[in-house]
PDB file of N, CA and C in Angstrom:
ATOM      1  N   MET A   1       0.814  -1.190   0.000  1.00  0.00           N
ATOM      2  CA  MET A   1       0.000   0.000   0.000  1.00  0.00           C
ATOM      3  C   MET A   1       0.866   1.267   0.000  1.00  0.00           C
ATOM      4  N   PHE A   2       1.994   1.237   0.691  1.00  0.00           N
ATOM      5  CA  PHE A   2       2.870   2.402   0.759  1.00  0.00           C
ATOM      6  C   PHE A   2       4.130   2.212  -0.076  1.00  0.00           C
ATOM      7  N   ASP A   3       4.178   1.157  -0.887  1.00  0.00           N
ATOM      8  CA  ASP A   3       5.331   0.877  -1.751  1.00  0.00           C
ATOM      9  C   ASP A   3       6.651   0.930  -0.996  1.00  0.00           C
ATOM     10  N   ASN A   4       6.659   0.448   0.220  1.00  0.00           N
ATOM     11  CA  ASN A   4       7.869   0.394   1.045  1.00  0.00           C
ATOM     12  C   ASN A   4       8.522   1.759   1.245  1.00  0.00           C
ATOM     13  N   ILE A   5       7.739   2.819   1.229  1.00  0.00           N
ATOM     14  CA  ILE A   5       8.281   4.168   1.367  1.00  0.00           C
ATOM     15  C   ILE A   5       9.006   4.370   2.706  1.00  0.00           C
ATOM     16  N   TYR A   6       8.612   3.645   3.740  1.00  0.00           N
ATOM     17  CA  TYR A   6       9.238   3.792   5.048  1.00  0.00           C
ATOM     18  C   TYR A   6      10.267   2.704   5.340  1.00  0.00           C
ATOM     19  N   LYS A   7      10.359   1.694   4.512  1.00  0.00           N
ATOM     20  CA  LYS A   7      11.255   0.571   4.758  1.00  0.00           C
ATOM     21  C   LYS A   7      12.703   1.045   4.827  1.00  0.00           C
ATOM     22  N   ASN A   8      13.353   0.727   5.943  1.00  0.00           N
ATOM     23  CA  ASN A   8      14.753   1.068   6.194  1.00  0.00           C
ATOM     24  C   ASN A   8      15.023   2.570   6.192  1.00  0.00           C
ATOM     25  N   LYS A   9      14.017   3.380   6.457  1.00  0.00           N
ATOM     26  CA  LYS A   9      14.176   4.829   6.553  1.00  0.00           C
ATOM     27  C   LYS A   9      14.220   5.221   8.026  1.00  0.00           C
ATOM     28  N   ILE A  10      15.012   6.220   8.333  1.00  0.00           N
ATOM     29  CA  ILE A  10      15.052   6.755   9.689  1.00  0.00           C
ATOM     30  C   ILE A  10      13.978   7.829   9.780  1.00  0.00           C
ATOM     31  N   VAL A  11      13.003   7.599  10.657  1.00  0.00           N
ATOM     32  CA  VAL A  11      11.865   8.509  10.805  1.00  0.00           C
ATOM     33  C   VAL A  11      11.838   9.027  12.236  1.00  0.00           C
ATOM     34  N   LEU A  12      11.869  10.347  12.388  1.00  0.00           N
ATOM     35  CA  LEU A  12      11.785  10.955  13.704  1.00  0.00           C
ATOM     36  C   LEU A  12      10.366  11.471  13.915  1.00  0.00           C
ATOM     37  N   ILE A  13       9.779  11.065  15.032  1.00  0.00           N
ATOM     38  CA  ILE A  13       8.449  11.571  15.375  1.00  0.00           C
ATOM     39  C   ILE A  13       8.512  12.194  16.767  1.00  0.00           C
ATOM     40  N   THR A  14       7.654  13.164  16.992  1.00  0.00           N
ATOM     41  CA  THR A  14       7.550  13.765  18.315  1.00  0.00           C
ATOM     42  C   THR A  14       6.259  13.275  18.962  1.00  0.00           C
ATOM     43  N   GLY A  15       6.275  13.258  20.272  1.00  0.00           N
ATOM     44  CA  GLY A  15       5.071  12.851  21.002  1.00  0.00           C
ATOM     45  C   GLY A  15       4.819  11.359  21.014  1.00  0.00           C
ATOM     46  N   HIS A  16       5.860  10.559  20.871  1.00  0.00           N
ATOM     47  CA  HIS A  16       5.690   9.104  20.787  1.00  0.00           C
ATOM     48  C   HIS A  16       5.275   8.442  22.101  1.00  0.00           C
ATOM     49  N   THR A  17       5.307   9.180  23.190  1.00  0.00           N
ATOM     50  CA  THR A  17       4.874   8.598  24.468  1.00  0.00           C
ATOM     51  C   THR A  17       3.380   8.808  24.717  1.00  0.00           C
ATOM     52  N   GLY A  18       2.744   9.630  23.902  1.00  0.00           N
ATOM     53  CA  GLY A  18       1.306   9.850  24.011  1.00  0.00           C
ATOM     54  C   GLY A  18       0.534   8.763  23.272  1.00  0.00           C
ATOM     55  N   PHE A  19      -0.773   8.804  23.359  1.00  0.00           N
ATOM     56  CA  PHE A  19      -1.600   7.760  22.761  1.00  0.00           C
ATOM     57  C   PHE A  19      -1.453   7.704  21.244  1.00  0.00           C
ATOM     58  N   LYS A  20      -1.678   8.818  20.570  1.00  0.00           N
ATOM     59  CA  LYS A  20      -1.596   8.822  19.102  1.00  0.00           C
ATOM     60  C   LYS A  20      -0.172   8.614  18.626  1.00  0.00           C
ATOM     61  N   GLY A  21       0.781   9.270  19.275  1.00  0.00           N
ATOM     62  CA  GLY A  21       2.176   9.141  18.870  1.00  0.00           C
ATOM     63  C   GLY A  21       2.716   7.731  19.037  1.00  0.00           C
ATOM     64  N   SER A  22       2.291   7.048  20.095  1.00  0.00           N
ATOM     65  CA  SER A  22       2.767   5.672  20.303  1.00  0.00           C
ATOM     66  C   SER A  22       2.224   4.749  19.212  1.00  0.00           C
ATOM     67  N   TRP A  23       0.971   4.940  18.823  1.00  0.00           N
ATOM     68  CA  TRP A  23       0.412   4.121  17.744  1.00  0.00           C
ATOM     69  C   TRP A  23       1.084   4.442  16.411  1.00  0.00           C
ATOM     70  N   LEU A  24       1.412   5.711  16.185  1.00  0.00           N
ATOM     71  CA  LEU A  24       2.131   6.076  14.959  1.00  0.00           C
ATOM     72  C   LEU A  24       3.491   5.404  14.931  1.00  0.00           C
ATOM     73  N   ALA A  25       4.189   5.391  16.050  1.00  0.00           N
ATOM     74  CA  ALA A  25       5.497   4.743  16.119  1.00  0.00           C
ATOM     75  C   ALA A  25       5.383   3.243  15.828  1.00  0.00           C
ATOM     76  N   ILE A  26       4.387   2.608  16.400  1.00  0.00           N
ATOM     77  CA  ILE A  26       4.173   1.173  16.159  1.00  0.00           C
ATOM     78  C   ILE A  26       3.889   0.923  14.685  1.00  0.00           C
ATOM     79  N   TRP A  27       3.029   1.732  14.105  1.00  0.00           N
ATOM     80  CA  TRP A  27       2.647   1.576  12.704  1.00  0.00           C
ATOM     81  C   TRP A  27       3.854   1.776  11.781  1.00  0.00           C
ATOM     82  N   LEU A  28       4.632   2.829  12.029  1.00  0.00           N
ATOM     83  CA  LEU A  28       5.819   3.076  11.201  1.00  0.00           C
ATOM     84  C   LEU A  28       6.821   1.933  11.318  1.00  0.00           C
ATOM     85  N   ARG A  29       6.968   1.418  12.515  1.00  0.00           N
ATOM     86  CA  ARG A  29       7.877   0.280  12.711  1.00  0.00           C
ATOM     87  C   ARG A  29       7.395  -0.933  11.920  1.00  0.00           C
ATOM     88  N   GLU A  30       6.099  -1.173  11.939  1.00  0.00           N
ATOM     89  CA  GLU A  30       5.528  -2.283  11.163  1.00  0.00           C
ATOM     90  C   GLU A  30       5.756  -2.085   9.664  1.00  0.00           C
ATOM     91  N   LEU A  31       5.841  -0.836   9.235  1.00  0.00           N
ATOM     92  CA  LEU A  31       6.098  -0.535   7.822  1.00  0.00           C
ATOM     93  C   LEU A  31       7.592  -0.559   7.489  1.00  0.00           C
ATOM     94  N   GLY A  32       8.422  -0.907   8.467  1.00  0.00           N
ATOM     95  CA  GLY A  32       9.842  -1.086   8.228  1.00  0.00           C
ATOM     96  C   GLY A  32      10.731   0.080   8.589  1.00  0.00           C
ATOM     97  N   ALA A  33      10.180   1.110   9.203  1.00  0.00           N
ATOM     98  CA  ALA A  33      10.969   2.285   9.553  1.00  0.00           C
ATOM     99  C   ALA A  33      11.810   2.045  10.797  1.00  0.00           C
ATOM    100  N   ASP A  34      12.938   2.735  10.861  1.00  0.00           N
ATOM    101  CA  ASP A  34      13.755   2.825  12.066  1.00  0.00           C
ATOM    102  C   ASP A  34      13.273   4.092  12.765  1.00  0.00           C
ATOM    103  N   VAL A  35      12.492   3.937  13.822  1.00  0.00           N
ATOM    104  CA  VAL A  35      11.798   5.063  14.444  1.00  0.00           C
ATOM    105  C   VAL A  35      12.619   5.666  15.577  1.00  0.00           C
ATOM    106  N   ILE A  36      12.759   6.991  15.516  1.00  0.00           N
ATOM    107  CA  ILE A  36      13.358   7.771  16.593  1.00  0.00           C
ATOM    108  C   ILE A  36      12.217   8.562  17.211  1.00  0.00           C
ATOM    109  N   GLY A  37      11.939   8.340  18.481  1.00  0.00           N
ATOM    110  CA  GLY A  37      10.878   9.068  19.161  1.00  0.00           C
ATOM    111  C   GLY A  37      11.455  10.136  20.061  1.00  0.00           C
ATOM    112  N   TYR A  38      10.933  11.342  19.962  1.00  0.00           N
ATOM    113  CA  TYR A  38      11.393  12.477  20.773  1.00  0.00           C
ATOM    114  C   TYR A  38      10.186  13.016  21.531  1.00  0.00           C
ATOM    115  N   SER A  39      10.228  12.916  22.866  1.00  0.00           N
ATOM    116  CA  SER A  39       9.041  13.288  23.627  1.00  0.00           C
ATOM    117  C   SER A  39       9.343  13.429  25.104  1.00  0.00           C
ATOM    118  N   LEU A  40       8.404  14.025  25.793  1.00  0.00           N
ATOM    119  CA  LEU A  40       8.425  14.058  27.249  1.00  0.00           C
ATOM    120  C   LEU A  40       7.965  12.704  27.786  1.00  0.00           C
ATOM    121  N   ALA A  41       7.940  12.560  29.088  1.00  0.00           N
ATOM    122  CA  ALA A  41       7.470  11.324  29.722  1.00  0.00           C
ATOM    123  C   ALA A  41       6.004  11.075  29.362  1.00  0.00           C
ATOM    124  N   PRO A  42       5.554   9.833  29.436  1.00  0.00           N
ATOM    125  CA  PRO A  42       4.145   9.539  29.152  1.00  0.00           C
ATOM    126  C   PRO A  42       3.225  10.419  29.984  1.00  0.00           C
ATOM    127  N   PRO A  43       2.139  10.910  29.382  1.00  0.00           N
ATOM    128  CA  PRO A  43       1.272  11.869  30.060  1.00  0.00           C
ATOM    129  C   PRO A  43       0.293  11.283  31.071  1.00  0.00           C
ATOM    130  N   SER A  44       0.179   9.963  31.121  1.00  0.00           N
ATOM    131  CA  SER A  44      -0.805   9.368  32.032  1.00  0.00           C
ATOM    132  C   SER A  44      -0.368   7.972  32.446  1.00  0.00           C
ATOM    133  N   GLN A  45      -1.061   7.449  33.425  1.00  0.00           N
ATOM    134  CA  GLN A  45      -0.868   6.066  33.866  1.00  0.00           C
ATOM    135  C   GLN A  45      -2.239   5.419  33.908  1.00  0.00           C
ATOM    136  N   PRO A  46      -2.446   4.286  33.295  1.00  0.00           N
ATOM    137  CA  PRO A  46      -1.515   3.587  32.417  1.00  0.00           C
ATOM    138  C   PRO A  46      -1.368   4.328  31.088  1.00  0.00           C
ATOM    139  N   ASN A  47      -0.429   3.863  30.253  1.00  0.00           N
ATOM    140  CA  ASN A  47      -0.234   4.490  28.955  1.00  0.00           C
ATOM    141  C   ASN A  47       0.214   3.448  27.933  1.00  0.00           C
ATOM    142  N   ASN A  48      -0.034   3.735  26.688  1.00  0.00           N
ATOM    143  CA  ASN A  48       0.254   2.809  25.596  1.00  0.00           C
ATOM    144  C   ASN A  48       1.761   2.633  25.380  1.00  0.00           C
ATOM    145  N   PHE A  49       2.529   3.673  25.623  1.00  0.00           N
ATOM    146  CA  PHE A  49       3.983   3.608  25.454  1.00  0.00           C
ATOM    147  C   PHE A  49       4.576   2.500  26.315  1.00  0.00           C
ATOM    148  N   GLU A  50       4.181   2.447  27.579  1.00  0.00           N
ATOM    149  CA  GLU A  50       4.694   1.422  28.483  1.00  0.00           C
ATOM    150  C   GLU A  50       3.998   0.082  28.268  1.00  0.00           C
ATOM    151  N   ALA A  51       2.697   0.097  28.013  1.00  0.00           N
ATOM    152  CA  ALA A  51       1.946  -1.148  27.840  1.00  0.00           C
ATOM    153  C   ALA A  51       2.456  -1.958  26.649  1.00  0.00           C
ATOM    154  N   THR A  52       2.904  -1.280  25.602  1.00  0.00           N
ATOM    155  CA  THR A  52       3.390  -1.973  24.400  1.00  0.00           C
ATOM    156  C   THR A  52       4.910  -2.170  24.407  1.00  0.00           C
ATOM    157  N   ARG A  53       5.551  -1.709  25.495  1.00  0.00           N
ATOM    158  CA  ARG A  53       7.015  -1.799  25.612  1.00  0.00           C
ATOM    159  C   ARG A  53       7.715  -1.138  24.425  1.00  0.00           C
ATOM    160  N   LEU A  54       7.180  -0.029  24.016  1.00  0.00           N
ATOM    161  CA  LEU A  54       7.692   0.673  22.851  1.00  0.00           C
ATOM    162  C   LEU A  54       9.137   1.125  23.040  1.00  0.00           C
ATOM    163  N   ARG A  55       9.529   1.422  24.260  1.00  0.00           N
ATOM    164  CA  ARG A  55      10.906   1.842  24.537  1.00  0.00           C
ATOM    165  C   ARG A  55      11.919   0.798  24.050  1.00  0.00           C
ATOM    166  N   GLU A  56      11.531  -0.472  24.080  1.00  0.00           N
ATOM    167  CA  GLU A  56      12.416  -1.559  23.661  1.00  0.00           C
ATOM    168  C   GLU A  56      12.441  -1.738  22.134  1.00  0.00           C
ATOM    169  N   LYS A  57      11.530  -1.095  21.418  1.00  0.00           N
ATOM    170  CA  LYS A  57      11.365  -1.338  19.987  1.00  0.00           C
ATOM    171  C   LYS A  57      11.814  -0.181  19.098  1.00  0.00           C
ATOM    172  N   ILE A  58      11.969   1.001  19.705  1.00  0.00           N
ATOM    173  CA  ILE A  58      12.380   2.177  18.943  1.00  0.00           C
ATOM    174  C   ILE A  58      13.495   2.879  19.723  1.00  0.00           C
ATOM    175  N   THR A  59      14.063   3.903  19.132  1.00  0.00           N
ATOM    176  CA  THR A  59      15.022   4.742  19.850  1.00  0.00           C
ATOM    177  C   THR A  59      14.239   5.833  20.551  1.00  0.00           C
ATOM    178  N   HIS A  60      14.317   5.847  21.859  1.00  0.00           N
ATOM    179  CA  HIS A  60      13.564   6.800  22.684  1.00  0.00           C
ATOM    180  C   HIS A  60      14.489   7.928  23.115  1.00  0.00           C
ATOM    181  N   VAL A  61      14.126   9.167  22.797  1.00  0.00           N
ATOM    182  CA  VAL A  61      14.870  10.340  23.237  1.00  0.00           C
ATOM    183  C   VAL A  61      13.930  11.187  24.078  1.00  0.00           C
ATOM    184  N   HIS A  62      14.300  11.396  25.333  1.00  0.00           N
ATOM    185  CA  HIS A  62      13.485  12.216  26.219  1.00  0.00           C
ATOM    186  C   HIS A  62      13.850  13.673  25.986  1.00  0.00           C
ATOM    187  N   GLY A  63      12.859  14.469  25.588  1.00  0.00           N
ATOM    188  CA  GLY A  63      13.116  15.881  25.368  1.00  0.00           C
ATOM    189  C   GLY A  63      11.850  16.648  25.075  1.00  0.00           C
ATOM    190  N   ASP A  64      11.963  17.953  25.191  1.00  0.00           N
ATOM    191  CA  ASP A  64      10.855  18.876  24.964  1.00  0.00           C
ATOM    192  C   ASP A  64      11.097  19.587  23.641  1.00  0.00           C
ATOM    193  N   ILE A  65      10.114  19.623  22.761  1.00  0.00           N
ATOM    194  CA  ILE A  65      10.306  20.257  21.451  1.00  0.00           C
ATOM    195  C   ILE A  65      10.554  21.759  21.575  1.00  0.00           C
ATOM    196  N   ARG A  66      10.244  22.335  22.722  1.00  0.00           N
ATOM    197  CA  ARG A  66      10.519  23.757  22.933  1.00  0.00           C
ATOM    198  C   ARG A  66      11.997  24.020  23.219  1.00  0.00           C
ATOM    199  N   ASP A  67      12.759  22.955  23.481  1.00  0.00           N
ATOM    200  CA  ASP A  67      14.196  23.066  23.717  1.00  0.00           C
ATOM    201  C   ASP A  67      14.896  22.837  22.378  1.00  0.00           C
ATOM    202  N   LEU A  68      15.056  23.909  21.614  1.00  0.00           N
ATOM    203  CA  LEU A  68      15.573  23.812  20.259  1.00  0.00           C
ATOM    204  C   LEU A  68      16.974  23.212  20.199  1.00  0.00           C
ATOM    205  N   ASP A  69      17.841  23.556  21.135  1.00  0.00           N
ATOM    206  CA  ASP A  69      19.203  23.010  21.116  1.00  0.00           C
ATOM    207  C   ASP A  69      19.187  21.490  21.253  1.00  0.00           C
ATOM    208  N   ARG A  70      18.401  20.983  22.187  1.00  0.00           N
ATOM    209  CA  ARG A  70      18.326  19.517  22.387  1.00  0.00           C
ATOM    210  C   ARG A  70      17.684  18.838  21.180  1.00  0.00           C
ATOM    211  N   LEU A  71      16.653  19.452  20.635  1.00  0.00           N
ATOM    212  CA  LEU A  71      15.998  18.893  19.452  1.00  0.00           C
ATOM    213  C   LEU A  71      16.976  18.832  18.280  1.00  0.00           C
ATOM    214  N   MET A  72      17.756  19.886  18.090  1.00  0.00           N
ATOM    215  CA  MET A  72      18.735  19.906  17.001  1.00  0.00           C
ATOM    216  C   MET A  72      19.833  18.854  17.219  1.00  0.00           C
ATOM    217  N   GLU A  73      20.181  18.593  18.471  1.00  0.00           N
ATOM    218  CA  GLU A  73      21.139  17.529  18.780  1.00  0.00           C
ATOM    219  C   GLU A  73      20.611  16.184  18.283  1.00  0.00           C
ATOM    220  N   ALA A  74      19.330  15.942  18.511  1.00  0.00           N
ATOM    221  CA  ALA A  74      18.722  14.685  18.051  1.00  0.00           C
ATOM    222  C   ALA A  74      18.749  14.602  16.528  1.00  0.00           C
ATOM    223  N   PHE A  75      18.467  15.703  15.851  1.00  0.00           N
ATOM    224  CA  PHE A  75      18.513  15.714  14.386  1.00  0.00           C
ATOM    225  C   PHE A  75      19.929  15.423  13.891  1.00  0.00           C
ATOM    226  N   LYS A  76      20.921  16.040  14.520  1.00  0.00           N
ATOM    227  CA  LYS A  76      22.312  15.823  14.112  1.00  0.00           C
ATOM    228  C   LYS A  76      22.754  14.395  14.371  1.00  0.00           C
ATOM    229  N   LYS A  77      22.382  13.868  15.530  1.00  0.00           N
ATOM    230  CA  LYS A  77      22.810  12.528  15.909  1.00  0.00           C
ATOM    231  C   LYS A  77      22.169  11.436  15.039  1.00  0.00           C
ATOM    232  N   TYR A  78      20.859  11.537  14.808  1.00  0.00           N
ATOM    233  CA  TYR A  78      20.138  10.458  14.119  1.00  0.00           C
ATOM    234  C   TYR A  78      19.920  10.717  12.637  1.00  0.00           C
ATOM    235  N   GLN A  79      20.045  11.949  12.192  1.00  0.00           N
ATOM    236  CA  GLN A  79      19.894  12.324  10.787  1.00  0.00           C
ATOM    237  C   GLN A  79      18.679  11.665  10.128  1.00  0.00           C
ATOM    238  N   PRO A  80      17.493  12.002  10.627  1.00  0.00           N
ATOM    239  CA  PRO A  80      16.274  11.383  10.074  1.00  0.00           C
ATOM    240  C   PRO A  80      16.052  11.747   8.613  1.00  0.00           C
ATOM    241  N   GLU A  81      15.511  10.788   7.869  1.00  0.00           N
ATOM    242  CA  GLU A  81      15.174  11.006   6.467  1.00  0.00           C
ATOM    243  C   GLU A  81      13.761  11.557   6.331  1.00  0.00           C
ATOM    244  N   LYS A  82      12.939  11.282   7.320  1.00  0.00           N
ATOM    245  CA  LYS A  82      11.556  11.754   7.326  1.00  0.00           C
ATOM    246  C   LYS A  82      11.238  12.203   8.750  1.00  0.00           C
ATOM    247  N   VAL A  83      10.404  13.231   8.866  1.00  0.00           N
ATOM    248  CA  VAL A  83      10.020  13.748  10.174  1.00  0.00           C
ATOM    249  C   VAL A  83       8.517  13.857  10.224  1.00  0.00           C
TER     250      VAL A  83
END
């Protein structure tokens, strides 16, 4: 359906510890992406991020998108192909 557009691509997403972001990370991983998640701690207990053990399946970076220096560090380090 996606012609392997995400297969073996480095994809950085923000908010991966939230409900929608965690499902997006799971979906992208299923499509073959190497997912880098950049987010604050999960916003609630229980949460999908911990329930699905997503931390073990993607690269988890704890950070706030309002911290531009830290966000740019993640971009430099992981060099995502898609955001």
